[in-house]
Amino acid sequence: MPFCTKCGAEAGERDRFCRRCGTPQPGVAGGAGAPRASQAGDALSPRGASILCYVPWLGWLVSVWVLLNQRFRAHREVRFHAYQGLYLFVVWLLGRWVVDLWVKMLFRHNIPLSSLVEIALLALWIFMLVKTSSGERYSLPVIGELAERSL
């Protein structure tokens, strides 16, 4: 029977912490000194990573993470969704900045054109979330071609 490394109290073989003093026990999964079983993101499936690339306004972070992660380097499908999600975010940025600037310069009135562009892109993000979560690969007209070339 093992004993606590700090206080010497009896500990069970599967105890992660001492019952008396609360010290993490070495050699037990999750205890101090135990080897780390997995890295961050190992539990994320390729399909889950593909879906997360289309989360509105935050999917670009996941896309960059997927493209830099060694685990997904061989997953062509996941990398396609990462590129497409990243390019969709770039289109949103351009739409927000460029369309808003053109409307202000040309019309001098507050026309909600940039808001309509943002709503359309939000609908496109949601559409891609639904398509990807159902396991379908959908290539957007221009963005999908760029993503395919980036692979």
N, C-alpha and C. Protein backbone atom coordinates (compact mmCIF):
# COMPACT_ATOMS: atom_id res chain seq x y z
N MET A 1 0.85 -1.18 0.00
CA MET A 1 0.00 0.00 0.00
C MET A 1 0.89 1.24 0.00
N PRO A 2 0.62 2.22 -0.89
CA PRO A 2 1.44 3.43 -0.94
C PRO A 2 1.15 4.38 0.22
N PHE A 3 2.08 5.28 0.42
CA PHE A 3 1.96 6.29 1.47
C PHE A 3 2.17 7.66 0.86
N CYS A 4 1.59 8.67 1.51
CA CYS A 4 1.72 10.05 1.06
C CYS A 4 3.19 10.47 1.10
N THR A 5 3.62 11.20 0.11
CA THR A 5 5.01 11.64 0.05
C THR A 5 5.30 12.79 1.00
N LYS A 6 4.27 13.45 1.52
CA LYS A 6 4.49 14.59 2.41
C LYS A 6 4.28 14.22 3.87
N CYS A 7 3.09 13.64 4.17
CA CYS A 7 2.77 13.40 5.58
C CYS A 7 2.93 11.94 5.99
N GLY A 8 3.08 11.02 5.04
CA GLY A 8 3.26 9.62 5.35
C GLY A 8 2.00 8.84 5.62
N ALA A 9 0.83 9.44 5.46
CA ALA A 9 -0.44 8.76 5.69
C ALA A 9 -0.67 7.72 4.59
N GLU A 10 -1.44 6.68 4.91
CA GLU A 10 -1.75 5.66 3.91
C GLU A 10 -2.61 6.27 2.81
N ALA A 11 -2.29 5.88 1.59
CA ALA A 11 -3.05 6.37 0.44
C ALA A 11 -3.42 5.18 -0.44
N GLY A 12 -4.54 5.28 -1.09
CA GLY A 12 -4.96 4.23 -2.02
C GLY A 12 -4.11 4.29 -3.28
N GLU A 13 -4.04 3.19 -4.00
CA GLU A 13 -3.21 3.14 -5.20
C GLU A 13 -3.70 4.07 -6.30
N ARG A 14 -4.99 4.36 -6.30
CA ARG A 14 -5.54 5.21 -7.35
C ARG A 14 -5.85 6.61 -6.84
N ASP A 15 -5.46 6.94 -5.62
CA ASP A 15 -5.71 8.28 -5.08
C ASP A 15 -4.81 9.29 -5.77
N ARG A 16 -5.41 10.36 -6.22
CA ARG A 16 -4.65 11.44 -6.85
C ARG A 16 -4.09 12.39 -5.80
N PHE A 17 -4.81 12.49 -4.66
CA PHE A 17 -4.39 13.40 -3.60
C PHE A 17 -4.45 12.67 -2.26
N CYS A 18 -3.61 13.11 -1.34
CA CYS A 18 -3.61 12.53 0.00
C CYS A 18 -4.92 12.89 0.71
N ARG A 19 -5.51 11.93 1.42
CA ARG A 19 -6.77 12.17 2.13
C ARG A 19 -6.56 13.04 3.35
N ARG A 20 -5.36 13.05 3.89
CA ARG A 20 -5.10 13.82 5.10
C ARG A 20 -4.65 15.24 4.78
N CYS A 21 -3.58 15.39 3.96
CA CYS A 21 -3.01 16.73 3.74
C CYS A 21 -3.34 17.33 2.37
N GLY A 22 -3.85 16.52 1.43
CA GLY A 22 -4.25 17.04 0.12
C GLY A 22 -3.12 17.18 -0.89
N THR A 23 -1.95 16.66 -0.59
CA THR A 23 -0.81 16.76 -1.50
C THR A 23 -1.03 15.86 -2.72
N PRO A 24 -0.76 16.38 -3.92
CA PRO A 24 -0.86 15.53 -5.12
C PRO A 24 0.14 14.38 -5.02
N GLN A 25 -0.30 13.20 -5.43
CA GLN A 25 0.54 12.01 -5.34
C GLN A 25 1.21 11.73 -6.68
N PRO A 26 2.53 11.49 -6.68
CA PRO A 26 3.23 11.22 -7.94
C PRO A 26 2.89 9.83 -8.47
N GLY A 27 3.02 9.70 -9.78
CA GLY A 27 2.82 8.40 -10.40
C GLY A 27 1.37 8.06 -10.67
N VAL A 28 0.44 8.88 -10.23
CA VAL A 28 -0.98 8.65 -10.47
C VAL A 28 -1.41 9.64 -11.55
N ALA A 29 -2.24 9.19 -12.49
CA ALA A 29 -2.67 10.06 -13.58
C ALA A 29 -3.25 11.35 -13.03
N GLY A 30 -2.70 12.47 -13.45
CA GLY A 30 -3.18 13.77 -13.01
C GLY A 30 -2.46 14.26 -11.77
N GLY A 31 -1.69 13.44 -11.11
CA GLY A 31 -0.97 13.87 -9.91
C GLY A 31 0.31 14.58 -10.28
N ALA A 32 0.98 15.15 -9.26
CA ALA A 32 2.24 15.83 -9.52
C ALA A 32 3.27 14.82 -9.97
N GLY A 33 4.04 15.15 -10.93
CA GLY A 33 5.09 14.27 -11.42
C GLY A 33 4.61 13.25 -12.43
N ALA A 34 3.32 13.16 -12.64
CA ALA A 34 2.81 12.20 -13.62
C ALA A 34 3.06 12.75 -15.02
N PRO A 35 3.36 11.91 -15.97
CA PRO A 35 3.57 12.40 -17.33
C PRO A 35 2.28 12.96 -17.90
N ARG A 36 2.42 14.01 -18.66
CA ARG A 36 1.25 14.64 -19.26
C ARG A 36 0.74 13.77 -20.38
N ALA A 37 -0.55 13.41 -20.32
CA ALA A 37 -1.11 12.44 -21.27
C ALA A 37 -1.36 13.05 -22.64
N SER A 38 -1.78 14.31 -22.69
CA SER A 38 -2.11 14.89 -23.98
C SER A 38 -1.83 16.38 -23.99
N GLN A 39 -1.76 16.91 -25.18
CA GLN A 39 -1.56 18.33 -25.33
C GLN A 39 -2.91 18.99 -25.53
N ALA A 40 -2.90 20.32 -25.44
CA ALA A 40 -4.14 21.06 -25.65
C ALA A 40 -4.66 20.82 -27.06
N GLY A 41 -5.91 20.50 -27.18
CA GLY A 41 -6.53 20.29 -28.48
C GLY A 41 -6.49 18.86 -28.97
N ASP A 42 -5.86 17.95 -28.23
CA ASP A 42 -5.83 16.56 -28.68
C ASP A 42 -7.22 15.92 -28.65
N ALA A 43 -8.08 16.41 -27.81
CA ALA A 43 -9.42 15.86 -27.71
C ALA A 43 -10.33 16.40 -28.82
N LEU A 44 -9.88 17.42 -29.54
CA LEU A 44 -10.68 18.02 -30.60
C LEU A 44 -10.60 17.16 -31.86
N SER A 45 -11.74 16.73 -32.33
CA SER A 45 -11.78 15.90 -33.53
C SER A 45 -11.58 16.78 -34.77
N PRO A 46 -11.19 16.20 -35.88
CA PRO A 46 -11.06 16.99 -37.11
C PRO A 46 -12.37 17.66 -37.52
N ARG A 47 -13.48 16.97 -37.34
CA ARG A 47 -14.77 17.58 -37.67
C ARG A 47 -15.08 18.75 -36.74
N GLY A 48 -14.77 18.60 -35.45
CA GLY A 48 -14.98 19.69 -34.50
C GLY A 48 -14.12 20.89 -34.83
N ALA A 49 -12.88 20.65 -35.23
CA ALA A 49 -11.99 21.75 -35.61
C ALA A 49 -12.53 22.45 -36.85
N SER A 50 -13.05 21.67 -37.80
CA SER A 50 -13.62 22.27 -39.02
C SER A 50 -14.82 23.15 -38.68
N ILE A 51 -15.65 22.69 -37.78
CA ILE A 51 -16.84 23.46 -37.39
C ILE A 51 -16.43 24.76 -36.70
N LEU A 52 -15.46 24.67 -35.79
CA LEU A 52 -15.05 25.84 -35.03
C LEU A 52 -14.40 26.92 -35.90
N CYS A 53 -13.94 26.56 -37.08
CA CYS A 53 -13.35 27.56 -37.98
C CYS A 53 -14.38 28.55 -38.50
N TYR A 54 -15.66 28.24 -38.36
CA TYR A 54 -16.73 29.11 -38.86
C TYR A 54 -17.50 29.82 -37.76
N VAL A 55 -17.00 29.82 -36.55
CA VAL A 55 -17.67 30.56 -35.48
C VAL A 55 -17.54 32.04 -35.80
N PRO A 56 -18.64 32.77 -35.88
CA PRO A 56 -18.57 34.18 -36.27
C PRO A 56 -17.64 34.99 -35.36
N TRP A 57 -16.81 35.80 -36.00
CA TRP A 57 -15.87 36.74 -35.39
C TRP A 57 -14.74 36.08 -34.59
N LEU A 58 -14.83 34.81 -34.23
CA LEU A 58 -13.77 34.15 -33.47
C LEU A 58 -13.17 32.96 -34.20
N GLY A 59 -13.79 32.54 -35.28
CA GLY A 59 -13.31 31.38 -36.00
C GLY A 59 -11.93 31.57 -36.61
N TRP A 60 -11.52 32.82 -36.84
CA TRP A 60 -10.20 33.05 -37.42
C TRP A 60 -9.11 32.60 -36.46
N LEU A 61 -9.36 32.70 -35.15
CA LEU A 61 -8.38 32.23 -34.17
C LEU A 61 -8.20 30.72 -34.27
N VAL A 62 -9.30 30.01 -34.37
CA VAL A 62 -9.24 28.55 -34.52
C VAL A 62 -8.60 28.19 -35.85
N SER A 63 -8.92 28.95 -36.90
CA SER A 63 -8.33 28.68 -38.21
C SER A 63 -6.82 28.80 -38.18
N VAL A 64 -6.32 29.85 -37.56
CA VAL A 64 -4.87 30.03 -37.46
C VAL A 64 -4.27 28.90 -36.63
N TRP A 65 -4.94 28.53 -35.53
CA TRP A 65 -4.45 27.44 -34.68
C TRP A 65 -4.38 26.13 -35.46
N VAL A 66 -5.42 25.84 -36.25
CA VAL A 66 -5.45 24.60 -37.04
C VAL A 66 -4.32 24.60 -38.06
N LEU A 67 -4.11 25.74 -38.71
CA LEU A 67 -3.06 25.80 -39.73
C LEU A 67 -1.66 25.67 -39.14
N LEU A 68 -1.49 26.07 -37.90
CA LEU A 68 -0.18 25.96 -37.24
C LEU A 68 0.02 24.65 -36.50
N ASN A 69 -1.05 23.91 -36.26
CA ASN A 69 -0.99 22.69 -35.47
C ASN A 69 -0.46 21.53 -36.32
N GLN A 70 0.51 20.82 -35.78
CA GLN A 70 1.08 19.67 -36.48
C GLN A 70 0.07 18.53 -36.66
N ARG A 71 -0.85 18.43 -35.73
CA ARG A 71 -1.82 17.33 -35.75
C ARG A 71 -2.70 17.37 -37.00
N PHE A 72 -3.04 18.57 -37.47
CA PHE A 72 -3.94 18.71 -38.61
C PHE A 72 -3.20 18.96 -39.91
N ARG A 73 -1.88 18.83 -39.91
CA ARG A 73 -1.10 19.09 -41.11
C ARG A 73 -1.46 18.14 -42.25
N ALA A 74 -1.83 16.92 -41.94
CA ALA A 74 -2.17 15.94 -42.98
C ALA A 74 -3.67 15.90 -43.30
N HIS A 75 -4.49 16.60 -42.54
CA HIS A 75 -5.95 16.61 -42.76
C HIS A 75 -6.30 17.70 -43.78
N ARG A 76 -6.38 17.32 -45.01
CA ARG A 76 -6.67 18.27 -46.08
C ARG A 76 -8.04 18.94 -45.90
N GLU A 77 -9.02 18.17 -45.46
CA GLU A 77 -10.37 18.70 -45.29
C GLU A 77 -10.42 19.77 -44.20
N VAL A 78 -9.76 19.51 -43.09
CA VAL A 78 -9.75 20.46 -41.97
C VAL A 78 -9.01 21.73 -42.38
N ARG A 79 -7.90 21.55 -43.08
CA ARG A 79 -7.14 22.73 -43.52
C ARG A 79 -7.93 23.55 -44.54
N PHE A 80 -8.73 22.88 -45.38
CA PHE A 80 -9.59 23.61 -46.32
C PHE A 80 -10.56 24.49 -45.55
N HIS A 81 -11.21 23.93 -44.53
CA HIS A 81 -12.16 24.71 -43.75
C HIS A 81 -11.46 25.83 -42.98
N ALA A 82 -10.23 25.58 -42.53
CA ALA A 82 -9.48 26.62 -41.82
C ALA A 82 -9.19 27.80 -42.76
N TYR A 83 -8.73 27.49 -43.97
CA TYR A 83 -8.46 28.57 -44.93
C TYR A 83 -9.74 29.30 -45.31
N GLN A 84 -10.80 28.54 -45.57
CA GLN A 84 -12.05 29.17 -45.98
C GLN A 84 -12.62 30.03 -44.86
N GLY A 85 -12.54 29.55 -43.62
CA GLY A 85 -13.00 30.35 -42.48
C GLY A 85 -12.17 31.60 -42.30
N LEU A 86 -10.88 31.49 -42.51
CA LEU A 86 -9.99 32.64 -42.40
C LEU A 86 -10.28 33.67 -43.49
N TYR A 87 -10.47 33.20 -44.71
CA TYR A 87 -10.78 34.11 -45.81
C TYR A 87 -12.16 34.75 -45.64
N LEU A 88 -13.09 34.02 -45.07
CA LEU A 88 -14.41 34.59 -44.80
C LEU A 88 -14.31 35.72 -43.78
N PHE A 89 -13.44 35.56 -42.80
CA PHE A 89 -13.22 36.63 -41.83
C PHE A 89 -12.58 37.85 -42.50
N VAL A 90 -11.65 37.63 -43.41
CA VAL A 90 -11.01 38.73 -44.13
C VAL A 90 -12.05 39.47 -44.97
N VAL A 91 -12.96 38.74 -45.60
CA VAL A 91 -14.04 39.38 -46.36
C VAL A 91 -14.90 40.22 -45.44
N TRP A 92 -15.18 39.71 -44.24
CA TRP A 92 -15.96 40.49 -43.28
C TRP A 92 -15.24 41.78 -42.92
N LEU A 93 -13.92 41.69 -42.67
CA LEU A 93 -13.15 42.90 -42.35
C LEU A 93 -13.18 43.90 -43.50
N LEU A 94 -12.95 43.41 -44.71
CA LEU A 94 -12.98 44.30 -45.86
C LEU A 94 -14.37 44.90 -46.07
N GLY A 95 -15.38 44.07 -45.92
CA GLY A 95 -16.74 44.58 -46.06
C GLY A 95 -17.07 45.63 -45.03
N ARG A 96 -16.61 45.41 -43.83
CA ARG A 96 -16.89 46.36 -42.76
C ARG A 96 -16.16 47.69 -42.98
N TRP A 97 -14.89 47.61 -43.37
CA TRP A 97 -14.11 48.84 -43.53
C TRP A 97 -14.34 49.51 -44.87
N VAL A 98 -14.26 48.76 -45.94
CA VAL A 98 -14.30 49.35 -47.27
C VAL A 98 -15.71 49.82 -47.62
N VAL A 99 -16.70 48.99 -47.41
CA VAL A 99 -18.07 49.38 -47.75
C VAL A 99 -18.50 50.57 -46.90
N ASP A 100 -18.16 50.56 -45.64
CA ASP A 100 -18.51 51.68 -44.76
C ASP A 100 -17.83 52.97 -45.24
N LEU A 101 -16.58 52.88 -45.64
CA LEU A 101 -15.86 54.05 -46.14
C LEU A 101 -16.47 54.56 -47.43
N TRP A 102 -16.79 53.67 -48.36
CA TRP A 102 -17.39 54.09 -49.63
C TRP A 102 -18.75 54.73 -49.42
N VAL A 103 -19.54 54.18 -48.54
CA VAL A 103 -20.87 54.75 -48.28
C VAL A 103 -20.74 56.14 -47.71
N LYS A 104 -19.81 56.33 -46.80
CA LYS A 104 -19.62 57.66 -46.21
C LYS A 104 -19.09 58.66 -47.24
N MET A 105 -18.22 58.20 -48.14
CA MET A 105 -17.66 59.11 -49.14
C MET A 105 -18.65 59.44 -50.25
N LEU A 106 -19.41 58.46 -50.71
CA LEU A 106 -20.27 58.67 -51.86
C LEU A 106 -21.63 59.28 -51.52
N PHE A 107 -22.21 58.88 -50.43
CA PHE A 107 -23.59 59.27 -50.16
C PHE A 107 -23.73 60.35 -49.09
N ARG A 108 -22.76 60.50 -48.27
CA ARG A 108 -22.76 61.49 -47.19
C ARG A 108 -23.97 61.37 -46.27
N HIS A 109 -24.68 60.28 -46.39
CA HIS A 109 -25.79 59.97 -45.50
C HIS A 109 -25.47 58.64 -44.84
N ASN A 110 -26.12 58.38 -43.77
CA ASN A 110 -25.89 57.13 -43.06
C ASN A 110 -26.80 56.05 -43.61
N ILE A 111 -26.38 55.45 -44.70
CA ILE A 111 -27.12 54.36 -45.31
C ILE A 111 -26.64 53.06 -44.66
N PRO A 112 -27.54 52.20 -44.24
CA PRO A 112 -27.11 50.99 -43.51
C PRO A 112 -26.58 49.88 -44.42
N LEU A 113 -25.85 50.25 -45.48
CA LEU A 113 -25.33 49.25 -46.40
C LEU A 113 -24.29 48.35 -45.74
N SER A 114 -23.43 48.95 -44.93
CA SER A 114 -22.42 48.13 -44.26
C SER A 114 -23.07 47.17 -43.26
N SER A 115 -24.16 47.59 -42.65
CA SER A 115 -24.89 46.70 -41.74
C SER A 115 -25.51 45.54 -42.51
N LEU A 116 -26.02 45.81 -43.70
CA LEU A 116 -26.59 44.74 -44.53
C LEU A 116 -25.50 43.76 -44.96
N VAL A 117 -24.31 44.26 -45.27
CA VAL A 117 -23.20 43.39 -45.65
C VAL A 117 -22.83 42.51 -44.45
N GLU A 118 -22.76 43.10 -43.26
CA GLU A 118 -22.43 42.33 -42.06
C GLU A 118 -23.48 41.25 -41.77
N ILE A 119 -24.74 41.58 -41.95
CA ILE A 119 -25.81 40.60 -41.72
C ILE A 119 -25.71 39.46 -42.74
N ALA A 120 -25.42 39.81 -43.99
CA ALA A 120 -25.27 38.78 -45.03
C ALA A 120 -24.09 37.86 -44.71
N LEU A 121 -22.99 38.42 -44.25
CA LEU A 121 -21.83 37.60 -43.90
C LEU A 121 -22.09 36.76 -42.66
N LEU A 122 -22.84 37.29 -41.71
CA LEU A 122 -23.22 36.51 -40.53
C LEU A 122 -24.08 35.31 -40.95
N ALA A 123 -25.00 35.55 -41.88
CA ALA A 123 -25.83 34.46 -42.39
C ALA A 123 -24.97 33.43 -43.12
N LEU A 124 -23.93 33.89 -43.82
CA LEU A 124 -23.03 32.97 -44.51
C LEU A 124 -22.22 32.14 -43.51
N TRP A 125 -21.78 32.75 -42.42
CA TRP A 125 -21.08 32.02 -41.36
C TRP A 125 -21.98 30.93 -40.77
N ILE A 126 -23.22 31.29 -40.49
CA ILE A 126 -24.16 30.32 -39.92
C ILE A 126 -24.44 29.20 -40.92
N PHE A 127 -24.60 29.55 -42.18
CA PHE A 127 -24.80 28.55 -43.23
C PHE A 127 -23.63 27.57 -43.26
N MET A 128 -22.41 28.08 -43.18
CA MET A 128 -21.22 27.21 -43.20
C MET A 128 -21.13 26.37 -41.94
N LEU A 129 -21.55 26.90 -40.79
CA LEU A 129 -21.59 26.10 -39.57
C LEU A 129 -22.52 24.91 -39.73
N VAL A 130 -23.69 25.15 -40.31
CA VAL A 130 -24.67 24.08 -40.50
C VAL A 130 -24.15 23.05 -41.50
N LYS A 131 -23.61 23.50 -42.62
CA LYS A 131 -23.10 22.58 -43.64
C LYS A 131 -21.95 21.72 -43.09
N THR A 132 -21.02 22.36 -42.38
CA THR A 132 -19.86 21.64 -41.87
C THR A 132 -20.26 20.69 -40.75
N SER A 133 -21.19 21.09 -39.90
CA SER A 133 -21.60 20.22 -38.80
C SER A 133 -22.37 19.00 -39.31
N SER A 134 -22.98 19.11 -40.48
CA SER A 134 -23.67 17.95 -41.05
C SER A 134 -22.73 17.08 -41.89
N GLY A 135 -21.47 17.45 -41.95
CA GLY A 135 -20.49 16.64 -42.64
C GLY A 135 -20.34 16.93 -44.12
N GLU A 136 -20.99 17.97 -44.60
CA GLU A 136 -20.90 18.33 -46.01
C GLU A 136 -19.73 19.29 -46.24
N ARG A 137 -19.08 19.11 -47.35
CA ARG A 137 -18.05 20.07 -47.73
C ARG A 137 -18.66 21.02 -48.74
N TYR A 138 -18.76 22.27 -48.38
CA TYR A 138 -19.33 23.27 -49.26
C TYR A 138 -18.26 24.30 -49.55
N SER A 139 -18.00 24.52 -50.81
CA SER A 139 -16.99 25.49 -51.23
C SER A 139 -17.70 26.77 -51.65
N LEU A 140 -17.41 27.86 -50.97
CA LEU A 140 -17.99 29.15 -51.32
C LEU A 140 -17.42 29.60 -52.67
N PRO A 141 -18.19 30.36 -53.46
CA PRO A 141 -17.77 30.67 -54.83
C PRO A 141 -16.34 31.19 -55.00
N VAL A 142 -15.95 32.28 -54.44
CA VAL A 142 -14.60 32.81 -54.65
C VAL A 142 -13.68 32.39 -53.51
N ILE A 143 -14.20 32.43 -52.31
CA ILE A 143 -13.41 32.11 -51.12
C ILE A 143 -12.99 30.66 -51.13
N GLY A 144 -13.87 29.78 -51.54
CA GLY A 144 -13.56 28.35 -51.60
C GLY A 144 -12.45 28.05 -52.59
N GLU A 145 -12.45 28.76 -53.73
CA GLU A 145 -11.39 28.57 -54.71
C GLU A 145 -10.05 29.01 -54.15
N LEU A 146 -10.04 30.13 -53.44
CA LEU A 146 -8.80 30.60 -52.80
C LEU A 146 -8.33 29.59 -51.75
N ALA A 147 -9.26 29.05 -50.99
CA ALA A 147 -8.90 28.07 -49.97
C ALA A 147 -8.33 26.81 -50.60
N GLU A 148 -8.90 26.41 -51.72
CA GLU A 148 -8.41 25.22 -52.41
C GLU A 148 -7.00 25.44 -52.95
N ARG A 149 -6.74 26.63 -53.46
CA ARG A 149 -5.39 26.96 -53.95
C ARG A 149 -4.39 27.04 -52.81
N SER A 150 -4.83 27.44 -51.66
CA SER A 150 -3.93 27.58 -50.50
C SER A 150 -3.48 26.26 -49.95
N LEU A 151 -4.23 25.20 -50.23
CA LEU A 151 -3.85 23.88 -49.74
C LEU A 151 -2.59 23.43 -50.45
